[in-house]
Each structure stands twice: as structure tokens, then as C-alpha cells.
Amino acid sequence: MKKSTSATKILFLQDVGILCFMCCVFIACLIVIFESDSLMYQNLIMLAGLFLTGMLVVLHTQTAATVVTAFEILSFSAYKLYQYAAQDVSIEKTAYLWPFLLLGVLGGLNLFIWSYASLESVNHILNRQVEDLTVVDTLTGLQNLKSMYWNLERIMALSIRHDTDFGLMIIRLRYPEELHKVLTRREYEEICQRIAVITENVLRIEDSIYSMDKDGAVGVIYYANEEGAGIVKKRLLDALGQKGAFDQIRGENLRVEFRIAYKQYSSDLKKDAIHFKQLVEGELAYEV
């Protein structure tokens, strides 16, 4: 509720800022149009100064905008006072508006930009919070990398306590860059989805499957010894390499190759999920 109220206040200030700017520009244009021809050049110069102030604020040079605005007000005031004192020229009523119009443009645009930046900051924080709570990859429906890290560290602690055999297996496309070049984005996404489906069909229900990135990489936490892991790897390679496994993507014989590596967890390794994943990726580098 507090965040909603805060966002409403920021939006209100944003509206006030842009409304103030637009009113000041509108009044300045009216002065130029309806004031006498003898003051045309003076008013055009002040209108140009108004737009200069606005441009400097939009370019995020607030200090320069403030200095220029102060210089414009002081110069215009000194000029009008000189005309009044030395040349006995009366000061027209519209001349009193120009300093306030300049300050209105400066303040209005600064308020708009400040409120816009504040709103962006609020949205960024909300997006980060949503990302932190998200544990499912929307493309494949699998749990994501963050969830895999959480589960890995929990399973590491349980494995040491109960002496359970488990390991991490990573499945990656062998030539993802080449596939990106020849396939459309939708076709590549279909490959990623197909990889997830095939992997889920091959593995046992107690094994956990995770989507690791947007290139279709899949992580598997399996419960087996070294010999069992080798059998799982062979079954996955057979299923993923089966003829016609990816033909439905383009309706043709699409060649998709994979690299699969795994590593058993042991008590002498760190209870660090990221480090363990890096060890498996090191094994993956030797899968030619």
C-alpha cells in the first residue's frame, strides 16, 4: 500500500512538472504573438532563452541550466532597469512575467525529470523483487538456475549427513551459435522446449531438472553413483540424438548435437553450488 501511494505521489508530481512547463511555454508564445512589434526582438530573444533552459534541463545538465537561467533573468532585469533609468522607457507589464516563466520552465522540467527518475527507480526495485521471487523459466517450464543453486546447497548438506550419492549433470548444445544463425528466434525456442521435454521423459521422477540459460542448457541433479551417472548420460545422448527428435521444428532433418558432462559430489568438495557447477563445466570442456 505504501509503495502504491508513493508511486501515485510521484506520478502526480510528474504531471505537475510537465503541466507547469507547458503553461509557461504557452504564455511565452502568447506574449510574442500579442505584444507590440517594437518588443518583438526582445520577446523572441527571451523565448529562445526559455527553450535554451529547457534543452539544458532535458540534457541532464541541471547546473548549467540553473546558471544560464540566472544569467538570463539578471541580464533581462538589468536591461529593463537601464531603459527605465537612463532612457525613461516605462517597463511593460509582460516584462514582469519573463523571470517567472524562465523559473517555471526550469522548475517544471526538473520536477518532471526527478519524478520520472524516481518512478523508474521504484519500477526497477519492483522488477528486481519479482526476479528474486521467480524460480521458474517461462520458456521451458523448468525451474531456473537460481532454484538449482538453492537446491544444490541444500542437497550437499543432506548428502554429507546421510551419505547419499548424487551429482550434477549439464547438457549443452554443441553449436548454439550456428543454430542461432540458421534458425528464427521462435524455432530456437522450440528446440529449447524440446530439449526440456526429452530430458524429462528420460530421467527418473526423483531427479531434478533445471533450465540454466536461454541457449537451452539444462542442469540435472541426479541421485546415483558414478556407474549410474554414466548410464543416465548414455540414455540422454541416445534420446537427444534419436533420428527425428527435432524434425518437427522445421519439418526437415535438423542436425542438433549435444555435449553432456557430469561430476559426483563428495564430502571433500566445497558446499558451494556455484563452485560445483563450475567443476562440471570444466568437465564439459573436455567433451569434444
Protein backbone atom coordinates (compact mmCIF):
# COMPACT_ATOMS: atom_id res chain seq x y z
CA MET A 1 0.00 0.00 0.00
CA LYS A 2 2.83 2.40 0.89
CA LYS A 3 4.60 1.70 -2.41
CA SER A 4 1.37 2.28 -4.32
CA THR A 5 0.81 5.60 -2.53
CA SER A 6 4.39 6.65 -3.16
CA ALA A 7 4.08 5.84 -6.87
CA THR A 8 0.83 7.85 -7.04
CA LYS A 9 2.52 10.87 -5.48
CA ILE A 10 5.42 10.60 -7.91
CA LEU A 11 3.02 10.43 -10.87
CA PHE A 12 1.19 13.50 -9.52
CA LEU A 13 4.45 15.46 -9.25
CA GLN A 14 5.37 14.34 -12.75
CA ASP A 15 2.07 15.69 -14.07
CA VAL A 16 2.53 18.96 -12.18
CA GLY A 17 6.02 19.38 -13.60
CA ILE A 18 5.07 18.86 -17.24
CA LEU A 19 1.91 21.00 -16.83
CA CYS A 20 3.98 23.85 -15.39
CA PHE A 21 6.39 23.62 -18.33
CA MET A 22 3.62 23.60 -20.93
CA CYS A 23 1.80 26.56 -19.32
CA CYS A 24 4.98 28.63 -19.24
CA VAL A 25 5.75 27.92 -22.90
CA PHE A 26 2.12 28.70 -23.86
CA ILE A 27 2.16 32.04 -22.03
CA ALA A 28 5.54 32.94 -23.56
CA CYS A 29 4.19 32.25 -27.05
CA LEU A 30 1.16 34.44 -26.35
CA ILE A 31 3.45 37.29 -25.27
CA VAL A 32 5.44 37.03 -28.51
CA ILE A 33 2.26 36.95 -30.62
CA PHE A 34 0.21 39.68 -29.00
CA GLU A 35 2.85 42.10 -27.69
CA SER A 36 3.64 45.19 -29.78
CA ASP A 37 6.01 44.93 -32.75
CA SER A 38 8.55 47.20 -31.05
CA LEU A 39 9.15 44.49 -28.45
CA MET A 40 9.23 41.62 -30.96
CA TYR A 41 13.03 41.08 -30.93
CA GLN A 42 13.20 41.35 -27.15
CA ASN A 43 10.46 38.76 -26.69
CA LEU A 44 11.92 36.42 -29.33
CA ILE A 45 15.28 36.53 -27.53
CA MET A 46 13.58 35.70 -24.23
CA LEU A 47 11.62 32.88 -25.90
CA ALA A 48 14.88 31.49 -27.27
CA GLY A 49 16.34 31.71 -23.76
CA LEU A 50 13.32 29.82 -22.47
CA PHE A 51 13.95 26.96 -24.91
CA LEU A 52 17.69 27.02 -24.10
CA THR A 53 16.87 26.48 -20.43
CA GLY A 54 14.53 23.63 -21.32
CA MET A 55 17.09 22.00 -23.59
CA LEU A 56 19.81 22.10 -20.90
CA VAL A 57 17.47 20.50 -18.35
CA VAL A 58 16.46 17.75 -20.79
CA LEU A 59 20.15 17.06 -21.43
CA HIS A 60 20.55 16.47 -17.66
CA THR A 61 22.86 19.47 -17.20
CA GLN A 62 20.90 20.95 -14.30
CA THR A 63 23.80 23.06 -13.05
CA ALA A 64 24.34 24.66 -16.44
CA ALA A 65 20.57 25.19 -16.82
CA THR A 66 20.41 26.94 -13.45
CA VAL A 67 23.39 29.18 -14.24
CA VAL A 68 22.04 30.08 -17.70
CA THR A 69 18.58 30.81 -16.29
CA ALA A 70 20.04 33.08 -13.58
CA PHE A 71 22.13 34.88 -16.19
CA GLU A 72 19.08 35.38 -18.44
CA ILE A 73 16.99 36.80 -15.58
CA LEU A 74 19.75 39.12 -14.35
CA SER A 75 20.59 40.31 -17.86
CA PHE A 76 16.96 40.98 -18.75
CA SER A 77 16.30 42.73 -15.44
CA ALA A 78 19.40 44.90 -15.81
CA TYR A 79 18.42 45.79 -19.37
CA LYS A 80 14.90 46.83 -18.40
CA LEU A 81 16.13 48.82 -15.40
CA TYR A 82 18.69 50.59 -17.58
CA GLN A 83 15.97 51.52 -20.09
CA TYR A 84 13.78 52.82 -17.27
CA ALA A 85 16.51 54.80 -15.51
CA ALA A 86 18.60 56.10 -18.41
CA GLN A 87 16.13 56.34 -21.27
CA ASP A 88 12.93 56.92 -19.28
CA VAL A 89 11.24 53.95 -21.02
CA SER A 90 8.40 52.50 -18.99
CA ILE A 91 8.54 48.80 -18.21
CA GLU A 92 5.69 46.92 -19.88
CA LYS A 93 3.60 44.56 -17.74
CA THR A 94 4.61 41.47 -19.71
CA ALA A 95 8.27 42.09 -18.83
CA TYR A 96 7.49 41.11 -15.24
CA LEU A 97 6.34 37.68 -16.45
CA TRP A 98 9.57 36.60 -18.17
CA PRO A 99 11.62 35.86 -14.98
CA PHE A 100 8.75 33.75 -13.63
CA LEU A 101 8.35 31.95 -16.96
CA LEU A 102 12.05 31.09 -17.01
CA LEU A 103 11.90 29.83 -13.43
CA GLY A 104 8.70 27.91 -14.24
CA VAL A 105 10.34 26.09 -17.15
CA LEU A 106 13.43 25.33 -15.07
CA GLY A 107 11.46 24.11 -12.07
CA GLY A 108 8.77 22.28 -14.04
CA LEU A 109 11.18 20.26 -16.18
CA ASN A 110 13.43 19.50 -13.21
CA LEU A 111 10.40 18.26 -11.25
CA PHE A 112 9.27 16.14 -14.21
CA ILE A 113 12.72 14.57 -14.71
CA TRP A 114 13.21 13.99 -10.98
CA SER A 115 9.81 12.33 -10.62
CA TYR A 116 10.38 10.25 -13.76
CA ALA A 117 13.75 9.05 -12.41
CA SER A 118 12.12 8.26 -9.05
CA LEU A 119 9.38 6.26 -10.78
CA GLU A 120 11.97 4.36 -12.80
CA SER A 121 13.83 3.60 -9.58
CA VAL A 122 10.65 2.27 -7.95
CA ASN A 123 9.90 0.11 -11.01
CA HIS A 124 13.46 -1.20 -11.05
CA ILE A 125 13.22 -2.22 -7.40
CA LEU A 126 9.87 -3.95 -8.01
CA ASN A 127 11.28 -5.79 -11.05
CA ARG A 128 14.27 -6.94 -9.02
CA GLN A 129 11.97 -8.22 -6.29
CA VAL A 130 9.89 -10.13 -8.84
CA GLU A 131 13.05 -11.64 -10.35
CA ASP A 132 14.26 -12.68 -6.91
CA LEU A 133 10.97 -14.49 -6.28
CA THR A 134 10.84 -16.11 -9.72
CA VAL A 135 12.14 -19.70 -9.75
CA VAL A 136 10.56 -20.98 -12.98
CA ASP A 137 11.79 -20.42 -16.53
CA THR A 138 8.82 -19.20 -18.55
CA LEU A 139 10.04 -20.73 -21.82
CA THR A 140 10.57 -24.35 -20.76
CA GLY A 141 8.51 -24.53 -17.57
CA LEU A 142 11.55 -25.89 -15.71
CA GLN A 143 12.95 -24.42 -12.52
CA ASN A 144 15.68 -21.87 -13.28
CA LEU A 145 19.37 -21.58 -12.40
CA LYS A 146 18.71 -19.72 -9.16
CA SER A 147 16.49 -22.54 -7.96
CA MET A 148 19.17 -25.05 -8.93
CA TYR A 149 21.74 -23.24 -6.76
CA TRP A 150 19.38 -23.25 -3.77
CA ASN A 151 18.58 -26.94 -4.12
CA LEU A 152 22.21 -27.91 -4.71
CA GLU A 153 23.40 -26.35 -1.46
CA ARG A 154 20.57 -28.00 0.47
CA ILE A 155 21.28 -31.41 -1.11
CA MET A 156 25.02 -31.03 -0.42
CA ALA A 157 24.33 -30.68 3.30
CA LEU A 158 21.91 -33.64 3.28
CA SER A 159 24.33 -35.77 1.26
CA ILE A 160 27.12 -35.36 3.79
CA ARG A 161 24.76 -36.07 6.68
CA HIS A 162 23.13 -39.17 5.16
CA ASP A 163 25.98 -40.35 2.88
CA THR A 164 23.84 -40.09 -0.26
CA ASP A 165 25.22 -40.48 -3.79
CA PHE A 166 24.29 -37.60 -6.06
CA GLY A 167 25.85 -35.44 -8.74
CA LEU A 168 25.26 -32.66 -11.22
CA MET A 169 24.95 -33.21 -14.97
CA ILE A 170 24.94 -30.42 -17.56
CA ILE A 171 23.54 -30.75 -21.08
CA ARG A 172 24.51 -28.10 -23.64
CA LEU A 173 24.07 -27.67 -27.38
CA ARG A 174 27.35 -28.28 -29.18
CA TYR A 175 26.95 -25.47 -31.73
CA PRO A 176 24.45 -22.91 -30.35
CA GLU A 177 25.93 -20.00 -32.33
CA GLU A 178 25.44 -21.80 -35.65
CA LEU A 179 21.84 -22.70 -34.76
CA HIS A 180 21.13 -19.07 -33.87
CA LYS A 181 22.27 -18.09 -37.37
CA VAL A 182 20.13 -20.57 -39.32
CA LEU A 183 17.01 -20.64 -37.14
CA THR A 184 14.47 -17.98 -36.29
CA ARG A 185 14.04 -16.96 -32.66
CA ARG A 186 10.82 -18.97 -32.40
CA GLU A 187 12.44 -22.08 -33.91
CA TYR A 188 15.35 -21.83 -31.48
CA GLU A 189 12.93 -21.51 -28.57
CA GLU A 190 11.14 -24.64 -29.80
CA ILE A 191 14.47 -26.50 -29.68
CA CYS A 192 14.96 -25.40 -26.06
CA GLN A 193 11.46 -26.59 -25.20
CA ARG A 194 12.04 -29.90 -26.99
CA ILE A 195 15.29 -30.45 -25.05
CA ALA A 196 13.41 -29.95 -21.78
CA VAL A 197 10.66 -32.40 -22.78
CA ILE A 198 13.08 -35.14 -23.92
CA THR A 199 15.20 -34.77 -20.76
CA GLU A 200 12.14 -35.01 -18.51
CA ASN A 201 10.95 -38.13 -20.32
CA VAL A 202 14.30 -39.90 -19.90
CA LEU A 203 15.07 -39.12 -16.26
CA ARG A 204 13.53 -40.65 -13.19
CA ILE A 205 10.93 -38.80 -11.15
CA GLU A 206 13.31 -38.25 -8.21
CA ASP A 207 15.88 -36.46 -10.38
CA SER A 208 15.58 -32.67 -10.68
CA ILE A 209 15.82 -30.79 -13.99
CA TYR A 210 16.65 -27.09 -14.35
CA SER A 211 16.86 -24.57 -17.17
CA MET A 212 20.27 -22.88 -16.95
CA ASP A 213 20.21 -20.24 -19.68
CA LYS A 214 18.47 -19.01 -22.83
CA ASP A 215 20.68 -21.19 -25.06
CA GLY A 216 18.86 -24.35 -23.99
CA ALA A 217 21.39 -25.60 -21.43
CA VAL A 218 19.84 -27.98 -18.89
CA GLY A 219 21.14 -28.95 -15.46
CA VAL A 220 20.22 -32.24 -13.82
CA ILE A 221 20.65 -33.15 -10.17
CA TYR A 222 20.65 -36.95 -10.22
CA TYR A 223 20.74 -39.49 -7.39
CA ALA A 224 23.09 -42.23 -8.50
CA ASN A 225 26.69 -43.41 -8.20
CA GLU A 226 29.37 -42.98 -10.87
CA GLU A 227 28.22 -46.04 -12.80
CA GLY A 228 24.58 -44.96 -12.70
CA ALA A 229 25.52 -41.47 -13.90
CA GLY A 230 27.24 -42.99 -16.92
CA ILE A 231 24.07 -44.91 -17.76
CA VAL A 232 21.96 -41.73 -17.44
CA LYS A 233 24.33 -39.88 -19.75
CA LYS A 234 24.14 -42.63 -22.38
CA ARG A 235 20.33 -42.70 -22.23
CA LEU A 236 20.17 -38.93 -22.65
CA LEU A 237 22.56 -38.94 -25.62
CA ASP A 238 20.52 -41.70 -27.27
CA ALA A 239 17.23 -39.87 -26.73
CA LEU A 240 18.51 -36.46 -27.83
CA GLY A 241 20.33 -37.95 -30.81
CA GLN A 242 17.41 -40.09 -31.93
CA LYS A 243 16.51 -39.63 -35.59
CA GLY A 244 13.62 -37.22 -35.98
CA ALA A 245 13.87 -35.86 -32.41
CA PHE A 246 13.95 -32.29 -33.72
CA ASP A 247 12.42 -32.69 -37.19
CA GLN A 248 9.16 -31.08 -36.05
CA ILE A 249 10.98 -27.75 -35.63
CA ARG A 250 11.32 -27.21 -39.38
CA GLY A 251 9.76 -30.29 -40.87
CA GLU A 252 13.17 -31.45 -42.07
CA ASN A 253 16.16 -33.43 -40.79
CA LEU A 254 17.63 -30.84 -38.44
CA ARG A 255 21.02 -31.82 -37.03
CA VAL A 256 21.32 -30.97 -33.34
CA GLU A 257 24.34 -32.19 -31.38
CA PHE A 258 24.97 -32.09 -27.63
CA ARG A 259 27.70 -32.17 -25.03
CA ILE A 260 26.96 -33.82 -21.68
CA ALA A 261 29.22 -33.88 -18.65
CA TYR A 262 28.69 -34.78 -15.01
CA LYS A 263 30.51 -34.92 -11.69
CA GLN A 264 29.80 -36.81 -8.50
CA TYR A 265 29.67 -34.81 -5.29
CA SER A 266 31.91 -35.89 -2.44
CA SER A 267 32.49 -34.60 1.06
CA ASP A 268 35.92 -33.21 0.19
CA LEU A 269 34.34 -30.66 -2.15
CA LYS A 270 33.12 -27.26 -1.00
CA LYS A 271 29.48 -26.82 -0.09
CA ASP A 272 29.30 -24.15 -2.77
CA ALA A 273 26.77 -24.64 -5.56
CA ILE A 274 28.41 -22.17 -7.94
CA HIS A 275 31.83 -23.78 -7.47
CA PHE A 276 30.38 -27.25 -8.04
CA LYS A 277 28.68 -26.08 -11.24
CA GLN A 278 31.99 -24.64 -12.44
CA LEU A 279 33.66 -28.01 -11.84
CA VAL A 280 31.05 -29.72 -14.03
CA GLU A 281 31.51 -27.09 -16.74
CA GLY A 282 35.23 -27.82 -16.57
CA GLU A 283 34.44 -31.46 -17.35
CA LEU A 284 32.17 -30.26 -20.15
CA ALA A 285 35.10 -28.53 -21.84
CA TYR A 286 36.69 -31.95 -22.48
CA GLU A 287 33.56 -33.32 -24.17
CA VAL A 288 34.63 -32.96 -27.81
